[in-house]
Amino acid sequence: MKIGILGSGDVAKALGSGFLKHGHEVMLGTRAPAKLAEWMIRNPEAHVAKFVDAAKFGDPVVLAVKGTAAAEALRAAGTANLADKPVIDVTNPIADAPPVNGVQFGWEIADMGKVEGARAIEPLCMLWCIPGFLRNEWTHAFKLLTS
């Protein structure tokens, strides 16, 4: 599968490396290609381009920019290039620093429908944060049990 990732920060690079590890083609979209020079040395099979090119390339497209840069990145990607594609939003406006131990691959996924379902899903983030802030432990997770 071709994965377009909008972003060049730690989350975008971790996801890009993970997708590559699992046999996907990856293109990171960025405003600053030089920021990815070292990552490209470790991941020579990946591609680096502008946001618009990564959006055209990927199906799906991952939005992995700082939360405050999301609207600008999406405008640069172009709405026509995102039409009829899944867009996975991993932006996190809570803090500027990446989480300790990065991202875990190998998740099972569950389709929660269209964007209207986000209103019900997003409070899970707040629920996840409560034990983290209370005990400064961030290794817990939720799992959807299906029969």
N, C-alpha and C. Protein backbone atom coordinates (compact mmCIF):
# COMPACT_ATOMS: atom_id res chain seq x y z
N MET A 1 0.84 -1.17 0.00
CA MET A 1 0.00 0.00 0.00
C MET A 1 0.89 1.23 0.00
N LYS A 2 0.46 2.26 -0.68
CA LYS A 2 1.17 3.54 -0.70
C LYS A 2 0.62 4.41 0.43
N ILE A 3 1.51 4.85 1.31
CA ILE A 3 1.13 5.68 2.45
C ILE A 3 1.75 7.06 2.27
N GLY A 4 0.91 8.08 2.25
CA GLY A 4 1.38 9.46 2.23
C GLY A 4 1.31 10.00 3.64
N ILE A 5 2.39 10.53 4.13
CA ILE A 5 2.42 11.09 5.48
C ILE A 5 2.72 12.57 5.38
N LEU A 6 1.83 13.38 5.91
CA LEU A 6 2.02 14.83 5.93
C LEU A 6 2.71 15.18 7.23
N GLY A 7 3.99 15.50 7.16
CA GLY A 7 4.74 15.85 8.35
C GLY A 7 6.16 15.35 8.28
N SER A 8 7.03 15.95 9.10
CA SER A 8 8.43 15.56 9.11
C SER A 8 9.00 15.54 10.52
N GLY A 9 8.12 15.54 11.52
CA GLY A 9 8.57 15.49 12.91
C GLY A 9 8.75 14.06 13.38
N ASP A 10 8.94 13.91 14.68
CA ASP A 10 9.20 12.60 15.27
C ASP A 10 8.08 11.59 15.01
N VAL A 11 6.83 12.03 15.13
CA VAL A 11 5.70 11.12 14.91
C VAL A 11 5.65 10.68 13.46
N ALA A 12 5.79 11.61 12.54
CA ALA A 12 5.78 11.26 11.11
C ALA A 12 6.90 10.29 10.77
N LYS A 13 8.09 10.54 11.31
CA LYS A 13 9.23 9.66 11.04
C LYS A 13 9.03 8.27 11.65
N ALA A 14 8.49 8.21 12.86
CA ALA A 14 8.25 6.91 13.49
C ALA A 14 7.21 6.12 12.71
N LEU A 15 6.14 6.78 12.30
CA LEU A 15 5.12 6.10 11.50
C LEU A 15 5.67 5.68 10.15
N GLY A 16 6.43 6.56 9.51
CA GLY A 16 7.03 6.22 8.23
C GLY A 16 7.92 4.98 8.33
N SER A 17 8.77 4.94 9.36
CA SER A 17 9.63 3.78 9.56
C SER A 17 8.81 2.52 9.82
N GLY A 18 7.75 2.66 10.60
CA GLY A 18 6.90 1.51 10.89
C GLY A 18 6.19 0.98 9.66
N PHE A 19 5.64 1.89 8.86
CA PHE A 19 4.98 1.45 7.62
C PHE A 19 5.98 0.77 6.68
N LEU A 20 7.19 1.32 6.58
CA LEU A 20 8.22 0.71 5.73
C LEU A 20 8.55 -0.69 6.23
N LYS A 21 8.69 -0.82 7.53
CA LYS A 21 9.02 -2.11 8.14
C LYS A 21 7.98 -3.18 7.79
N HIS A 22 6.75 -2.75 7.62
CA HIS A 22 5.66 -3.67 7.31
C HIS A 22 5.39 -3.77 5.81
N GLY A 23 6.33 -3.31 4.99
CA GLY A 23 6.27 -3.53 3.55
C GLY A 23 5.49 -2.52 2.74
N HIS A 24 5.15 -1.39 3.31
CA HIS A 24 4.41 -0.37 2.58
C HIS A 24 5.36 0.62 1.91
N GLU A 25 4.89 1.26 0.85
CA GLU A 25 5.64 2.36 0.24
C GLU A 25 5.26 3.62 1.00
N VAL A 26 6.24 4.47 1.25
CA VAL A 26 6.02 5.65 2.08
C VAL A 26 6.58 6.89 1.41
N MET A 27 5.78 7.97 1.46
CA MET A 27 6.25 9.29 1.05
C MET A 27 5.89 10.28 2.15
N LEU A 28 6.91 10.96 2.69
CA LEU A 28 6.69 12.00 3.69
C LEU A 28 6.61 13.34 2.99
N GLY A 29 5.55 14.08 3.28
CA GLY A 29 5.39 15.43 2.76
C GLY A 29 5.87 16.43 3.79
N THR A 30 6.62 17.43 3.34
CA THR A 30 7.21 18.39 4.27
C THR A 30 7.45 19.73 3.58
N ARG A 31 7.56 20.77 4.39
CA ARG A 31 7.99 22.07 3.88
C ARG A 31 9.50 22.18 3.92
N ALA A 32 10.15 21.30 4.69
CA ALA A 32 11.59 21.39 4.91
C ALA A 32 12.26 20.03 4.67
N PRO A 33 12.51 19.66 3.40
CA PRO A 33 13.12 18.36 3.11
C PRO A 33 14.45 18.11 3.83
N ALA A 34 15.22 19.15 4.07
CA ALA A 34 16.51 18.98 4.76
C ALA A 34 16.33 18.40 6.16
N LYS A 35 15.17 18.65 6.76
CA LYS A 35 14.87 18.14 8.10
C LYS A 35 14.84 16.61 8.11
N LEU A 36 14.64 15.99 6.95
CA LEU A 36 14.51 14.53 6.86
C LEU A 36 15.77 13.87 6.30
N ALA A 37 16.84 14.61 6.10
CA ALA A 37 18.05 14.05 5.48
C ALA A 37 18.60 12.85 6.25
N GLU A 38 18.73 12.98 7.55
CA GLU A 38 19.26 11.87 8.36
C GLU A 38 18.31 10.67 8.35
N TRP A 39 17.00 10.93 8.44
CA TRP A 39 16.00 9.85 8.41
C TRP A 39 16.06 9.12 7.07
N MET A 40 16.28 9.85 5.98
CA MET A 40 16.35 9.23 4.66
C MET A 40 17.58 8.32 4.52
N ILE A 41 18.65 8.65 5.21
CA ILE A 41 19.83 7.78 5.18
C ILE A 41 19.48 6.41 5.78
N ARG A 42 18.70 6.42 6.85
CA ARG A 42 18.27 5.17 7.49
C ARG A 42 17.11 4.50 6.77
N ASN A 43 16.42 5.23 5.92
CA ASN A 43 15.23 4.71 5.21
C ASN A 43 15.31 5.07 3.73
N PRO A 44 16.29 4.56 3.01
CA PRO A 44 16.50 4.98 1.62
C PRO A 44 15.37 4.59 0.66
N GLU A 45 14.54 3.65 1.04
CA GLU A 45 13.44 3.25 0.17
C GLU A 45 12.25 4.20 0.26
N ALA A 46 12.27 5.12 1.21
CA ALA A 46 11.19 6.10 1.36
C ALA A 46 11.38 7.26 0.39
N HIS A 47 10.35 8.07 0.26
CA HIS A 47 10.39 9.26 -0.60
C HIS A 47 10.06 10.48 0.24
N VAL A 48 10.64 11.61 -0.11
CA VAL A 48 10.35 12.88 0.53
C VAL A 48 9.92 13.86 -0.55
N ALA A 49 8.84 14.58 -0.29
CA ALA A 49 8.30 15.51 -1.28
C ALA A 49 7.54 16.62 -0.56
N LYS A 50 6.86 17.44 -1.33
CA LYS A 50 5.99 18.48 -0.78
C LYS A 50 4.70 17.84 -0.28
N PHE A 51 3.97 18.56 0.56
CA PHE A 51 2.69 18.07 1.08
C PHE A 51 1.76 17.61 -0.05
N VAL A 52 1.67 18.42 -1.10
CA VAL A 52 0.75 18.11 -2.20
C VAL A 52 1.10 16.77 -2.85
N ASP A 53 2.38 16.49 -3.01
CA ASP A 53 2.81 15.24 -3.65
C ASP A 53 2.55 14.04 -2.75
N ALA A 54 2.78 14.19 -1.45
CA ALA A 54 2.50 13.09 -0.52
C ALA A 54 1.00 12.79 -0.47
N ALA A 55 0.18 13.83 -0.54
CA ALA A 55 -1.27 13.64 -0.54
C ALA A 55 -1.73 12.92 -1.80
N LYS A 56 -1.14 13.26 -2.94
CA LYS A 56 -1.48 12.58 -4.19
C LYS A 56 -1.03 11.12 -4.15
N PHE A 57 0.13 10.87 -3.58
CA PHE A 57 0.76 9.55 -3.54
C PHE A 57 -0.01 8.55 -2.68
N GLY A 58 -0.43 8.99 -1.50
CA GLY A 58 -0.93 8.06 -0.51
C GLY A 58 -2.40 7.71 -0.61
N ASP A 59 -2.67 6.49 -0.22
CA ASP A 59 -4.04 6.02 -0.02
C ASP A 59 -3.97 4.91 1.00
N PRO A 60 -3.97 5.24 2.27
CA PRO A 60 -4.45 6.47 2.91
C PRO A 60 -3.36 7.54 3.06
N VAL A 61 -3.78 8.67 3.66
CA VAL A 61 -2.88 9.76 3.99
C VAL A 61 -2.92 9.94 5.50
N VAL A 62 -1.74 10.08 6.09
CA VAL A 62 -1.64 10.29 7.54
C VAL A 62 -1.28 11.74 7.79
N LEU A 63 -2.07 12.41 8.60
CA LEU A 63 -1.78 13.79 9.01
C LEU A 63 -1.00 13.73 10.31
N ALA A 64 0.31 13.99 10.23
CA ALA A 64 1.20 13.84 11.38
C ALA A 64 2.02 15.10 11.60
N VAL A 65 1.34 16.20 11.76
CA VAL A 65 2.01 17.47 12.02
C VAL A 65 1.61 17.96 13.40
N LYS A 66 2.29 18.94 13.88
CA LYS A 66 1.91 19.60 15.13
C LYS A 66 0.47 20.10 14.97
N GLY A 67 -0.32 19.97 15.98
CA GLY A 67 -1.73 20.35 15.90
C GLY A 67 -1.97 21.74 15.37
N THR A 68 -1.10 22.67 15.74
CA THR A 68 -1.28 24.05 15.30
C THR A 68 -0.92 24.24 13.83
N ALA A 69 -0.28 23.25 13.21
CA ALA A 69 0.09 23.34 11.79
C ALA A 69 -0.83 22.51 10.89
N ALA A 70 -1.83 21.85 11.48
CA ALA A 70 -2.68 20.93 10.72
C ALA A 70 -3.44 21.61 9.58
N ALA A 71 -4.08 22.73 9.87
CA ALA A 71 -4.88 23.41 8.83
C ALA A 71 -3.99 23.83 7.66
N GLU A 72 -2.82 24.37 7.95
CA GLU A 72 -1.90 24.80 6.90
C GLU A 72 -1.42 23.60 6.07
N ALA A 73 -1.10 22.50 6.73
CA ALA A 73 -0.65 21.30 6.01
C ALA A 73 -1.74 20.74 5.10
N LEU A 74 -2.97 20.75 5.58
CA LEU A 74 -4.08 20.25 4.77
C LEU A 74 -4.34 21.16 3.57
N ARG A 75 -4.23 22.48 3.78
CA ARG A 75 -4.39 23.40 2.65
C ARG A 75 -3.30 23.14 1.60
N ALA A 76 -2.07 22.93 2.08
CA ALA A 76 -0.96 22.69 1.15
C ALA A 76 -1.11 21.35 0.43
N ALA A 77 -1.74 20.38 1.08
CA ALA A 77 -1.96 19.07 0.46
C ALA A 77 -3.01 19.16 -0.64
N GLY A 78 -3.99 20.04 -0.46
CA GLY A 78 -5.05 20.21 -1.45
C GLY A 78 -6.21 19.27 -1.21
N THR A 79 -7.39 19.82 -1.07
CA THR A 79 -8.57 19.00 -0.77
C THR A 79 -8.85 17.97 -1.86
N ALA A 80 -8.60 18.30 -3.10
CA ALA A 80 -8.84 17.34 -4.19
C ALA A 80 -7.95 16.11 -4.06
N ASN A 81 -6.76 16.29 -3.49
CA ASN A 81 -5.84 15.16 -3.33
C ASN A 81 -6.18 14.27 -2.14
N LEU A 82 -7.08 14.73 -1.28
CA LEU A 82 -7.51 13.96 -0.12
C LEU A 82 -8.90 13.36 -0.31
N ALA A 83 -9.59 13.77 -1.36
CA ALA A 83 -10.97 13.32 -1.59
C ALA A 83 -11.03 11.81 -1.75
N ASP A 84 -12.02 11.21 -1.10
CA ASP A 84 -12.29 9.78 -1.18
C ASP A 84 -11.15 8.91 -0.67
N LYS A 85 -10.31 9.46 0.19
CA LYS A 85 -9.23 8.69 0.80
C LYS A 85 -9.39 8.71 2.31
N PRO A 86 -9.02 7.63 2.97
CA PRO A 86 -8.97 7.71 4.44
C PRO A 86 -7.84 8.66 4.85
N VAL A 87 -8.14 9.56 5.77
CA VAL A 87 -7.13 10.45 6.34
C VAL A 87 -7.03 10.11 7.82
N ILE A 88 -5.86 9.64 8.22
CA ILE A 88 -5.63 9.24 9.60
C ILE A 88 -4.97 10.42 10.30
N ASP A 89 -5.67 10.99 11.27
CA ASP A 89 -5.21 12.19 11.96
C ASP A 89 -4.52 11.80 13.26
N VAL A 90 -3.21 11.96 13.33
CA VAL A 90 -2.47 11.65 14.54
C VAL A 90 -1.89 12.90 15.18
N THR A 91 -2.46 14.05 14.82
CA THR A 91 -1.98 15.30 15.43
C THR A 91 -2.27 15.27 16.92
N ASN A 92 -1.43 15.95 17.67
CA ASN A 92 -1.58 16.00 19.11
C ASN A 92 -1.24 17.40 19.60
N PRO A 93 -2.25 18.21 19.86
CA PRO A 93 -1.98 19.58 20.30
C PRO A 93 -1.70 19.69 21.80
N ILE A 94 -1.64 18.56 22.53
CA ILE A 94 -1.47 18.61 23.98
C ILE A 94 -0.08 19.11 24.37
N ALA A 95 0.97 18.64 23.68
CA ALA A 95 2.33 19.05 24.04
C ALA A 95 3.20 19.11 22.79
N ASP A 96 4.25 19.91 22.86
CA ASP A 96 5.17 20.00 21.74
C ASP A 96 6.15 18.83 21.70
N ALA A 97 6.40 18.21 22.84
CA ALA A 97 7.38 17.12 22.91
C ALA A 97 6.73 15.79 22.55
N PRO A 98 7.47 14.90 21.87
CA PRO A 98 6.92 13.58 21.54
C PRO A 98 6.81 12.73 22.80
N PRO A 99 5.93 11.72 22.79
CA PRO A 99 5.82 10.85 23.96
C PRO A 99 7.06 9.98 24.11
N VAL A 100 7.36 9.61 25.34
CA VAL A 100 8.47 8.71 25.62
C VAL A 100 8.15 7.36 24.99
N ASN A 101 9.10 6.73 24.40
CA ASN A 101 8.98 5.42 23.75
C ASN A 101 8.17 5.46 22.46
N GLY A 102 7.85 6.61 21.95
CA GLY A 102 7.27 6.73 20.62
C GLY A 102 5.96 6.04 20.38
N VAL A 103 5.78 5.44 19.22
CA VAL A 103 4.53 4.86 18.74
C VAL A 103 4.67 3.33 18.69
N GLN A 104 3.55 2.44 19.00
CA GLN A 104 3.53 0.98 18.90
C GLN A 104 2.77 0.55 17.69
N PHE A 105 3.47 -0.22 16.78
CA PHE A 105 2.84 -0.78 15.58
C PHE A 105 2.26 -2.14 15.91
N GLY A 106 1.41 -2.66 15.02
CA GLY A 106 0.81 -3.96 15.20
C GLY A 106 -0.59 -3.90 15.77
N TRP A 107 -1.18 -2.70 15.79
CA TRP A 107 -2.53 -2.55 16.33
C TRP A 107 -3.55 -3.23 15.43
N GLU A 108 -4.59 -3.72 16.03
CA GLU A 108 -5.76 -4.12 15.27
C GLU A 108 -6.62 -2.87 15.15
N ILE A 109 -7.27 -2.70 14.02
CA ILE A 109 -8.07 -1.49 13.82
C ILE A 109 -9.54 -1.82 13.78
N ALA A 110 -10.36 -0.84 14.04
CA ALA A 110 -11.81 -0.97 13.95
C ALA A 110 -12.35 0.29 13.29
N ASP A 111 -13.11 0.14 12.24
CA ASP A 111 -13.69 1.27 11.53
C ASP A 111 -14.84 1.83 12.35
N MET A 112 -14.71 3.08 12.75
CA MET A 112 -15.74 3.74 13.55
C MET A 112 -16.64 4.63 12.70
N GLY A 113 -16.58 4.46 11.39
CA GLY A 113 -17.47 5.20 10.52
C GLY A 113 -16.91 6.54 10.09
N LYS A 114 -17.82 7.40 9.70
CA LYS A 114 -17.43 8.71 9.18
C LYS A 114 -17.04 9.66 10.30
N VAL A 115 -16.61 10.85 9.93
CA VAL A 115 -16.08 11.83 10.87
C VAL A 115 -17.06 12.17 11.99
N GLU A 116 -18.35 12.03 11.75
CA GLU A 116 -19.33 12.34 12.79
C GLU A 116 -19.14 11.47 14.04
N GLY A 117 -18.54 10.29 13.87
CA GLY A 117 -18.28 9.40 15.00
C GLY A 117 -17.17 9.89 15.91
N ALA A 118 -16.37 10.84 15.44
CA ALA A 118 -15.24 11.34 16.24
C ALA A 118 -15.71 11.97 17.54
N ARG A 119 -16.86 12.58 17.54
CA ARG A 119 -17.38 13.23 18.76
C ARG A 119 -17.51 12.22 19.90
N ALA A 120 -17.86 10.98 19.58
CA ALA A 120 -17.98 9.94 20.60
C ALA A 120 -16.63 9.33 20.96
N ILE A 121 -15.70 9.31 20.02
CA ILE A 121 -14.41 8.65 20.22
C ILE A 121 -13.40 9.56 20.92
N GLU A 122 -13.40 10.85 20.61
CA GLU A 122 -12.39 11.76 21.14
C GLU A 122 -12.32 11.84 22.66
N PRO A 123 -13.43 11.72 23.39
CA PRO A 123 -13.31 11.75 24.86
C PRO A 123 -12.46 10.62 25.43
N LEU A 124 -12.24 9.55 24.65
CA LEU A 124 -11.36 8.49 25.12
C LEU A 124 -9.94 9.01 25.37
N CYS A 125 -9.54 10.03 24.62
CA CYS A 125 -8.22 10.62 24.83
C CYS A 125 -8.15 11.24 26.22
N MET A 126 -9.19 11.95 26.61
CA MET A 126 -9.20 12.56 27.95
C MET A 126 -9.18 11.47 29.02
N LEU A 127 -9.96 10.40 28.80
CA LEU A 127 -9.99 9.30 29.75
C LEU A 127 -8.61 8.64 29.84
N TRP A 128 -7.92 8.53 28.72
CA TRP A 128 -6.58 7.95 28.70
C TRP A 128 -5.59 8.84 29.46
N CYS A 129 -5.77 10.17 29.38
CA CYS A 129 -4.84 11.10 30.02
C CYS A 129 -4.95 11.12 31.54
N ILE A 130 -6.12 10.83 32.07
CA ILE A 130 -6.32 10.94 33.53
C ILE A 130 -5.32 10.09 34.31
N PRO A 131 -5.21 8.77 34.08
CA PRO A 131 -4.21 8.01 34.85
C PRO A 131 -2.78 8.44 34.54
N GLY A 132 -2.55 8.91 33.32
CA GLY A 132 -1.21 9.38 32.99
C GLY A 132 -0.80 10.58 33.83
N PHE A 133 -1.69 11.55 33.93
CA PHE A 133 -1.38 12.73 34.72
C PHE A 133 -1.36 12.43 36.22
N LEU A 134 -2.26 11.55 36.68
CA LEU A 134 -2.31 11.22 38.10
C LEU A 134 -1.07 10.48 38.58
N ARG A 135 -0.58 9.54 37.76
CA ARG A 135 0.54 8.68 38.18
C ARG A 135 1.79 8.86 37.34
N ASN A 136 1.75 9.77 36.37
CA ASN A 136 2.86 9.97 35.44
C ASN A 136 3.30 8.65 34.80
N GLU A 137 2.31 7.84 34.45
CA GLU A 137 2.54 6.57 33.76
C GLU A 137 1.76 6.64 32.45
N TRP A 138 2.44 6.41 31.35
CA TRP A 138 1.82 6.59 30.04
C TRP A 138 1.86 5.32 29.20
N THR A 139 1.91 4.18 29.85
CA THR A 139 2.03 2.92 29.11
C THR A 139 0.72 2.16 29.01
N HIS A 140 -0.37 2.74 29.43
CA HIS A 140 -1.66 2.06 29.38
C HIS A 140 -2.33 2.29 28.01
N ALA A 141 -3.34 1.46 27.72
CA ALA A 141 -4.03 1.56 26.43
C ALA A 141 -5.44 1.03 26.56
N PHE A 142 -6.26 1.32 25.58
CA PHE A 142 -7.61 0.78 25.50
C PHE A 142 -7.63 -0.27 24.40
N LYS A 143 -8.52 -1.22 24.55
CA LYS A 143 -8.70 -2.22 23.51
C LYS A 143 -10.20 -2.43 23.33
N LEU A 144 -10.61 -2.48 22.08
CA LEU A 144 -12.00 -2.76 21.75
C LEU A 144 -12.16 -4.28 21.66
N LEU A 145 -12.99 -4.84 22.50
CA LEU A 145 -13.21 -6.28 22.49
C LEU A 145 -14.37 -6.60 21.56
N THR A 146 -14.13 -7.52 20.65
CA THR A 146 -15.18 -7.94 19.73
C THR A 146 -15.39 -9.44 19.88
N SER A 147 -16.56 -9.87 19.48
CA SER A 147 -16.81 -11.31 19.62
C SER A 147 -16.67 -12.01 18.28
